[in-house]
Amino acid sequence: MTMPTRTLGTTGPQVSALGLGCMGMSGMYGEADRAESIATIHAALEAGVTLLDTGDFYGMGHNELLISEALRTAPAALRENALLSVKFGAQRGPDGAWHGYDARPAAVKTWAAYSLQRLGVDHIDVYRPARLDPQVPIEETVGAIAELVEKGYVRHIGLSEVGPETIRRAAATAPIADLQIEYALISRGPEREILPVLRELGISVTAYGVLSRGLISGHLTAERQLATNDFRAHSPRFQGENLQHNLALVESLRKIAEQKGVTVAQIAIAWVASRGDDIVPLVGARTRERLGEALGALDVTLDAADLAAIEDAVPADAAAGERYPTPQMAMLDSER
């Protein structure tokens, strides 16, 4: 299979039609196997995946060091094809607690310096604040990244989880390649106001959470016990009656997937990819098995009848529970 490609916005790079989100390889969803994580990154590169997404706060630098090792041990040709998307700004304590965001210009350059060192590269392909810092105008943050672009440390500027007004202000400051935001069958908030603004301005989407952290992967059961260090153990959508409701939606989706001879995960990923050529799904596979399943979504074609059946099975706003706990939802500019 030849990996199809998509271009991030009017100014960004050409990337693979699926990207690999590496967050789950650094403890966000419970323990991960380091050797398997590296093997999964290698397998993704071999399959033609070029976009690797990380954050400097994933495992407090662990994820960037993991990617560095994976790139260092990959064949040279594959290593050279890799494009790195890095989020910055989240502040965390030694116990993993979250302490807000720092996107001041001086901090932007400091975060970048540490990321370049940990990743073992001389530039970052797409660099983005993880969230809007309410104490810092977005113009100042984007302006600082633009200075890094001028000096060759960053190639393109991205955004993450910000709303229409912030997107417009950022784009008026410097060219923006893409917005990273949660977008899935049960997370369709961007459709109302954000996607129209992005398309007006020629900015693409890298969609994370396309399987809603495994909730709509078809592999999660109500009986599964989540570790206390697993983000999902504290996520509203994975609790009590919310979980039961959401898993019922998955079973409705499973019927459609079985009729097409594909898995639930594949049809969920294919649905996101079908939303437009300006959307690149990020899959959070932590193993080669799950990566192989996700790559199979590229062979799934959804016609009008399929899309209508999916809409009936999982209507917009059908999910029970917010996608983050209340304190974190309050920090999302995309939700305001």
Protein backbone atom coordinates (compact mmCIF):
# COMPACT_ATOMS: atom_id res chain seq x y z
CA MET A 1 0.00 0.00 0.00
CA THR A 2 1.28 3.45 -0.92
CA MET A 3 0.61 5.89 1.89
CA PRO A 4 -1.56 8.78 0.64
CA THR A 5 -0.50 12.26 1.67
CA ARG A 6 -2.16 15.50 2.65
CA THR A 7 -0.80 19.02 2.99
CA LEU A 8 -1.11 21.01 6.19
CA GLY A 9 -2.77 24.26 5.22
CA THR A 10 -1.50 26.54 2.49
CA THR A 11 1.91 27.00 4.10
CA GLY A 12 2.60 23.73 5.89
CA PRO A 13 4.40 20.51 4.95
CA GLN A 14 3.10 17.52 3.05
CA VAL A 15 2.45 14.71 5.54
CA SER A 16 1.12 11.18 5.55
CA ALA A 17 -2.67 10.83 5.55
CA LEU A 18 -2.43 9.31 9.03
CA GLY A 19 -0.15 10.56 11.77
CA LEU A 20 1.09 8.73 14.85
CA GLY A 21 0.31 10.33 18.20
CA CYS A 22 2.94 9.09 20.64
CA MET A 23 1.50 10.38 23.93
CA GLY A 24 0.24 7.00 25.12
CA MET A 25 3.78 5.60 24.94
CA SER A 26 4.73 7.69 27.99
CA GLY A 27 2.36 6.58 30.69
CA MET A 28 -0.71 8.70 29.99
CA TYR A 29 -2.81 5.56 29.60
CA GLY A 30 -1.07 3.37 32.12
CA GLU A 31 2.23 1.56 31.70
CA ALA A 32 3.68 1.17 28.22
CA ASP A 33 6.34 -1.17 26.88
CA ARG A 34 9.37 0.87 25.74
CA ALA A 35 10.69 -1.72 23.29
CA GLU A 36 7.24 -2.21 21.74
CA SER A 37 6.75 1.56 21.54
CA ILE A 38 9.98 1.97 19.60
CA ALA A 39 9.12 -0.98 17.38
CA THR A 40 5.72 0.63 16.70
CA ILE A 41 7.32 3.91 15.66
CA HIS A 42 9.67 1.99 13.36
CA ALA A 43 6.73 0.08 11.87
CA ALA A 44 4.84 3.32 11.30
CA LEU A 45 7.80 4.87 9.47
CA GLU A 46 8.21 1.71 7.37
CA ALA A 47 4.50 1.89 6.43
CA GLY A 48 4.95 5.45 5.17
CA VAL A 49 3.72 7.38 8.20
CA THR A 50 5.75 10.57 8.35
CA LEU A 51 4.00 12.70 11.00
CA LEU A 52 4.97 11.93 14.60
CA ASP A 53 3.18 13.97 17.27
CA THR A 54 4.45 14.59 20.78
CA GLY A 55 4.51 17.12 23.61
CA ASP A 56 7.42 18.18 25.79
CA PHE A 57 5.28 17.45 28.87
CA TYR A 58 4.34 13.88 27.88
CA GLY A 59 6.04 11.95 30.64
CA MET A 60 7.98 15.15 31.48
CA GLY A 61 10.32 14.73 28.50
CA HIS A 62 10.08 10.92 28.37
CA ASN A 63 8.16 10.94 25.09
CA GLU A 64 10.64 13.15 23.27
CA LEU A 65 13.54 10.97 24.46
CA LEU A 66 11.63 7.88 23.31
CA ILE A 67 11.09 9.35 19.85
CA SER A 68 14.74 10.38 19.72
CA GLU A 69 15.81 6.79 20.38
CA ALA A 70 13.35 5.47 17.80
CA LEU A 71 14.64 7.88 15.16
CA ARG A 72 18.27 7.23 16.04
CA THR A 73 17.79 3.47 15.59
CA ALA A 74 15.65 3.67 12.44
CA PRO A 75 17.11 3.31 8.94
CA ALA A 76 18.48 6.65 7.72
CA ALA A 77 15.99 6.98 4.86
CA LEU A 78 13.03 6.54 7.19
CA ARG A 79 14.52 8.88 9.78
CA GLU A 80 14.88 11.62 7.20
CA ASN A 81 11.20 11.28 6.22
CA ALA A 82 9.95 11.82 9.76
CA LEU A 83 8.21 15.13 10.54
CA LEU A 84 7.94 16.13 14.19
CA SER A 85 4.97 17.99 15.63
CA VAL A 86 5.63 19.22 19.18
CA LYS A 87 3.31 20.85 21.72
CA PHE A 88 4.75 22.98 24.49
CA GLY A 89 3.78 25.06 27.49
CA ALA A 90 2.05 22.72 29.95
CA GLN A 91 3.55 22.91 33.41
CA ARG A 92 3.72 19.78 35.56
CA GLY A 93 5.04 18.85 38.97
CA PRO A 94 7.21 15.87 39.99
CA ASP A 95 4.02 14.03 40.94
CA GLY A 96 2.57 14.57 37.46
CA ALA A 97 0.13 17.26 38.61
CA TRP A 98 -0.88 19.94 36.12
CA HIS A 99 0.00 23.53 36.99
CA GLY A 100 -1.27 25.58 34.06
CA TYR A 101 0.50 26.85 30.95
CA ASP A 102 3.38 29.18 30.20
CA ALA A 103 3.50 30.59 26.68
CA ARG A 104 5.48 33.79 27.29
CA PRO A 105 7.96 34.53 24.47
CA ALA A 106 11.00 33.76 26.63
CA ALA A 107 9.40 30.51 27.78
CA VAL A 108 8.56 29.54 24.19
CA LYS A 109 12.25 29.73 23.27
CA THR A 110 13.28 27.85 26.40
CA TRP A 111 10.80 25.03 25.75
CA ALA A 112 12.06 24.80 22.16
CA ALA A 113 15.70 24.60 23.24
CA TYR A 114 14.99 21.69 25.56
CA SER A 115 12.87 19.89 22.96
CA LEU A 116 15.56 20.19 20.29
CA GLN A 117 18.07 18.71 22.74
CA ARG A 118 15.84 15.83 23.85
CA LEU A 119 14.73 14.98 20.33
CA GLY A 120 18.28 15.17 18.98
CA VAL A 121 17.29 17.28 15.98
CA ASP A 122 18.24 20.71 14.68
CA HIS A 123 14.68 21.79 13.92
CA ILE A 124 11.04 21.02 14.78
CA ASP A 125 8.68 20.71 11.83
CA VAL A 126 5.48 22.00 13.50
CA TYR A 127 5.65 23.76 16.87
CA ARG A 128 2.55 24.71 18.81
CA PRO A 129 1.37 25.88 22.25
CA ALA A 130 -0.52 23.01 23.88
CA ARG A 131 -3.23 25.37 25.10
CA LEU A 132 -3.93 29.09 25.16
CA ASP A 133 -2.11 30.82 28.00
CA PRO A 134 -4.77 33.21 29.35
CA GLN A 135 -2.04 35.54 30.65
CA VAL A 136 -0.29 35.95 27.29
CA PRO A 137 -1.79 37.38 24.07
CA ILE A 138 -1.67 34.76 21.33
CA GLU A 139 0.11 37.33 19.15
CA GLU A 140 3.08 37.27 21.51
CA THR A 141 3.26 33.49 21.62
CA VAL A 142 2.94 33.10 17.84
CA GLY A 143 5.37 35.94 17.31
CA ALA A 144 7.97 34.11 19.39
CA ILE A 145 7.50 30.94 17.33
CA ALA A 146 7.81 33.04 14.17
CA GLU A 147 11.21 34.21 15.41
CA LEU A 148 12.22 30.56 15.81
CA VAL A 149 11.07 29.97 12.23
CA GLU A 150 13.23 32.85 11.01
CA LYS A 151 16.25 31.34 12.76
CA GLY A 152 15.61 27.84 11.37
CA TYR A 153 14.76 26.11 14.64
CA VAL A 154 11.11 25.63 13.62
CA ARG A 155 9.67 25.09 10.15
CA HIS A 156 5.93 25.71 10.66
CA ILE A 157 3.58 27.13 13.29
CA GLY A 158 0.62 25.20 14.66
CA LEU A 159 -2.09 25.78 17.25
CA SER A 160 -3.92 23.46 19.64
CA GLU A 161 -7.39 23.53 21.19
CA VAL A 162 -8.12 27.20 20.52
CA GLY A 163 -11.32 28.86 19.34
CA PRO A 164 -12.25 30.94 16.28
CA GLU A 165 -11.21 34.35 17.61
CA THR A 166 -7.81 33.08 18.73
CA ILE A 167 -7.30 31.35 15.38
CA ARG A 168 -7.99 34.59 13.50
CA ARG A 169 -5.63 36.61 15.72
CA ALA A 170 -2.88 34.01 15.38
CA ALA A 171 -3.25 33.83 11.59
CA ALA A 172 -3.04 37.62 11.38
CA THR A 173 0.32 37.44 13.16
CA ALA A 174 2.05 34.70 11.15
CA PRO A 175 1.17 31.85 8.77
CA ILE A 176 -0.48 28.94 10.62
CA ALA A 177 -0.18 25.43 9.19
CA ASP A 178 -2.72 23.57 11.27
CA LEU A 179 -4.85 23.37 14.38
CA GLN A 180 -4.61 20.26 16.51
CA ILE A 181 -7.92 19.50 18.17
CA GLU A 182 -9.94 16.54 19.37
CA TYR A 183 -12.26 15.44 16.59
CA ALA A 184 -14.09 12.11 16.46
CA LEU A 185 -17.52 10.63 15.95
CA ILE A 186 -18.34 11.47 19.57
CA SER A 187 -16.31 14.72 19.71
CA ARG A 188 -17.78 16.90 16.97
CA GLY A 189 -17.62 20.32 18.57
CA PRO A 190 -15.17 21.72 15.94
CA GLU A 191 -17.84 21.37 13.23
CA ARG A 192 -19.93 24.25 14.57
CA GLU A 193 -17.58 27.24 14.40
CA ILE A 194 -13.97 26.13 14.26
CA LEU A 195 -13.85 24.15 10.99
CA PRO A 196 -15.53 26.95 8.97
CA VAL A 197 -12.94 29.48 10.19
CA LEU A 198 -10.05 27.13 9.47
CA ARG A 199 -11.27 26.51 5.95
CA GLU A 200 -11.78 30.22 5.35
CA LEU A 201 -8.17 30.84 6.38
CA GLY A 202 -6.62 27.79 4.68
CA ILE A 203 -5.56 26.08 7.91
CA SER A 204 -5.66 22.30 8.24
CA VAL A 205 -6.59 20.05 11.17
CA THR A 206 -4.57 17.34 12.82
CA ALA A 207 -7.28 15.46 14.68
CA TYR A 208 -6.36 13.73 17.91
CA GLY A 209 -8.62 11.45 19.93
CA VAL A 210 -10.10 9.92 16.78
CA LEU A 211 -10.91 6.79 18.82
CA SER A 212 -11.77 8.88 21.88
CA ARG A 213 -8.88 7.37 23.85
CA GLY A 214 -9.98 3.86 22.98
CA LEU A 215 -13.60 4.42 23.96
CA ILE A 216 -14.84 3.86 20.39
CA SER A 217 -12.07 1.48 19.35
CA GLY A 218 -14.28 -1.57 19.78
CA HIS A 219 -11.75 -3.06 22.21
CA LEU A 220 -12.87 -1.49 25.49
CA THR A 221 -15.34 -3.26 27.78
CA ALA A 222 -17.18 -2.03 30.85
CA GLU A 223 -15.34 -4.64 32.94
CA ARG A 224 -11.87 -3.36 32.15
CA GLN A 225 -10.09 -1.92 35.17
CA LEU A 226 -8.11 1.24 34.41
CA ALA A 227 -4.92 1.99 36.33
CA THR A 228 -4.94 5.03 38.60
CA ASN A 229 -2.25 6.64 36.41
CA ASP A 230 -4.43 6.16 33.33
CA PHE A 231 -6.01 9.45 32.23
CA ARG A 232 -9.22 7.62 31.41
CA ALA A 233 -9.74 6.61 35.02
CA HIS A 234 -10.63 10.25 35.67
CA SER A 235 -12.35 11.08 32.37
CA PRO A 236 -16.13 11.67 32.60
CA ARG A 237 -16.84 9.60 29.49
CA PHE A 238 -15.37 6.50 31.12
CA GLN A 239 -17.39 6.68 34.33
CA GLY A 240 -20.47 4.71 35.41
CA GLU A 241 -23.62 5.33 33.38
CA ASN A 242 -21.70 7.51 30.94
CA LEU A 243 -19.50 4.58 30.02
CA GLN A 244 -22.48 2.25 29.61
CA HIS A 245 -24.20 4.77 27.33
CA ASN A 246 -21.10 5.34 25.24
CA LEU A 247 -20.35 1.65 24.83
CA ALA A 248 -23.91 1.20 23.56
CA LEU A 249 -23.06 3.68 20.80
CA VAL A 250 -20.02 1.56 19.98
CA GLU A 251 -22.19 -1.53 19.58
CA SER A 252 -24.40 0.35 17.12
CA LEU A 253 -21.27 1.28 15.20
CA ARG A 254 -20.03 -2.30 15.33
CA LYS A 255 -23.04 -3.49 13.33
CA ILE A 256 -22.11 -1.12 10.49
CA ALA A 257 -18.45 -2.12 10.65
CA GLU A 258 -19.30 -5.82 10.49
CA GLN A 259 -21.51 -5.26 7.44
CA LYS A 260 -18.50 -3.68 5.69
CA GLY A 261 -16.09 -6.34 6.92
CA VAL A 262 -13.96 -3.91 8.89
CA THR A 263 -13.33 -3.22 12.56
CA VAL A 264 -14.98 -0.57 14.70
CA ALA A 265 -11.68 1.29 15.00
CA GLN A 266 -11.19 1.29 11.24
CA ILE A 267 -14.62 2.72 10.52
CA ALA A 268 -14.18 5.39 13.22
CA ILE A 269 -10.80 6.47 11.80
CA ALA A 270 -12.13 6.35 8.23
CA TRP A 271 -15.03 8.61 9.26
CA VAL A 272 -12.63 11.30 10.51
CA ALA A 273 -10.53 11.00 7.34
CA SER A 274 -13.69 11.37 5.23
CA ARG A 275 -14.47 14.78 6.73
CA GLY A 276 -12.10 16.49 4.30
CA ASP A 277 -8.68 16.42 2.67
CA ASP A 278 -7.64 19.13 5.11
CA ILE A 279 -7.95 16.75 8.09
CA VAL A 280 -5.19 14.35 9.16
CA PRO A 281 -6.21 11.81 11.83
CA LEU A 282 -3.64 11.10 14.53
CA VAL A 283 -3.83 7.52 15.74
CA GLY A 284 -2.53 6.76 19.23
CA ALA A 285 -1.39 3.18 18.58
CA ARG A 286 1.00 1.88 21.24
CA THR A 287 1.61 -1.52 19.65
CA ARG A 288 2.33 -2.80 16.17
CA GLU A 289 -0.93 -4.76 16.25
CA ARG A 290 -3.02 -1.65 16.89
CA LEU A 291 -1.00 0.30 14.34
CA GLY A 292 -1.72 -2.31 11.70
CA GLU A 293 -5.43 -2.11 12.44
CA ALA A 294 -5.36 1.70 12.18
CA LEU A 295 -3.50 1.62 8.87
CA GLY A 296 -6.25 -0.62 7.52
CA ALA A 297 -8.61 2.36 7.81
CA LEU A 298 -6.89 3.86 4.77
CA ASP A 299 -8.48 1.12 2.66
CA VAL A 300 -12.01 1.83 3.95
CA THR A 301 -14.22 3.86 1.63
CA LEU A 302 -17.40 5.30 3.09
CA ASP A 303 -20.16 6.09 0.60
CA ALA A 304 -23.20 8.27 1.23
CA ALA A 305 -25.22 5.33 2.57
CA ASP A 306 -22.42 4.39 4.97
CA LEU A 307 -22.14 7.94 6.26
CA ALA A 308 -25.89 8.18 6.76
CA ALA A 309 -25.91 4.89 8.68
CA ILE A 310 -23.05 6.08 10.87
CA GLU A 311 -24.85 9.36 11.55
CA ASP A 312 -27.96 7.44 12.61
CA ALA A 313 -25.93 5.13 14.85
CA VAL A 314 -23.84 7.88 16.46
CA PRO A 315 -25.48 11.29 16.04
CA ALA A 316 -23.62 14.48 16.85
CA ASP A 317 -23.67 15.20 20.60
CA ALA A 318 -24.65 11.60 21.33
CA ALA A 319 -21.83 11.00 23.80
CA ALA A 320 -22.44 11.10 27.54
CA GLY A 321 -19.92 13.07 29.58
CA GLU A 322 -17.41 15.77 28.76
CA ARG A 323 -14.17 14.83 27.06
CA TYR A 324 -12.06 16.18 29.96
CA PRO A 325 -12.70 16.62 33.69
CA THR A 326 -14.32 19.97 34.54
CA PRO A 327 -11.10 21.82 35.56
CA GLN A 328 -9.42 20.93 32.26
CA MET A 329 -12.51 21.78 30.21
CA ALA A 330 -12.37 25.26 31.73
CA MET A 331 -8.89 25.71 30.26
CA LEU A 332 -9.95 24.97 26.68
CA ASP A 333 -10.27 28.07 24.54
CA SER A 334 -11.88 25.84 21.90
CA GLU A 335 -14.86 25.32 24.22
CA ARG A 336 -15.56 28.98 24.91
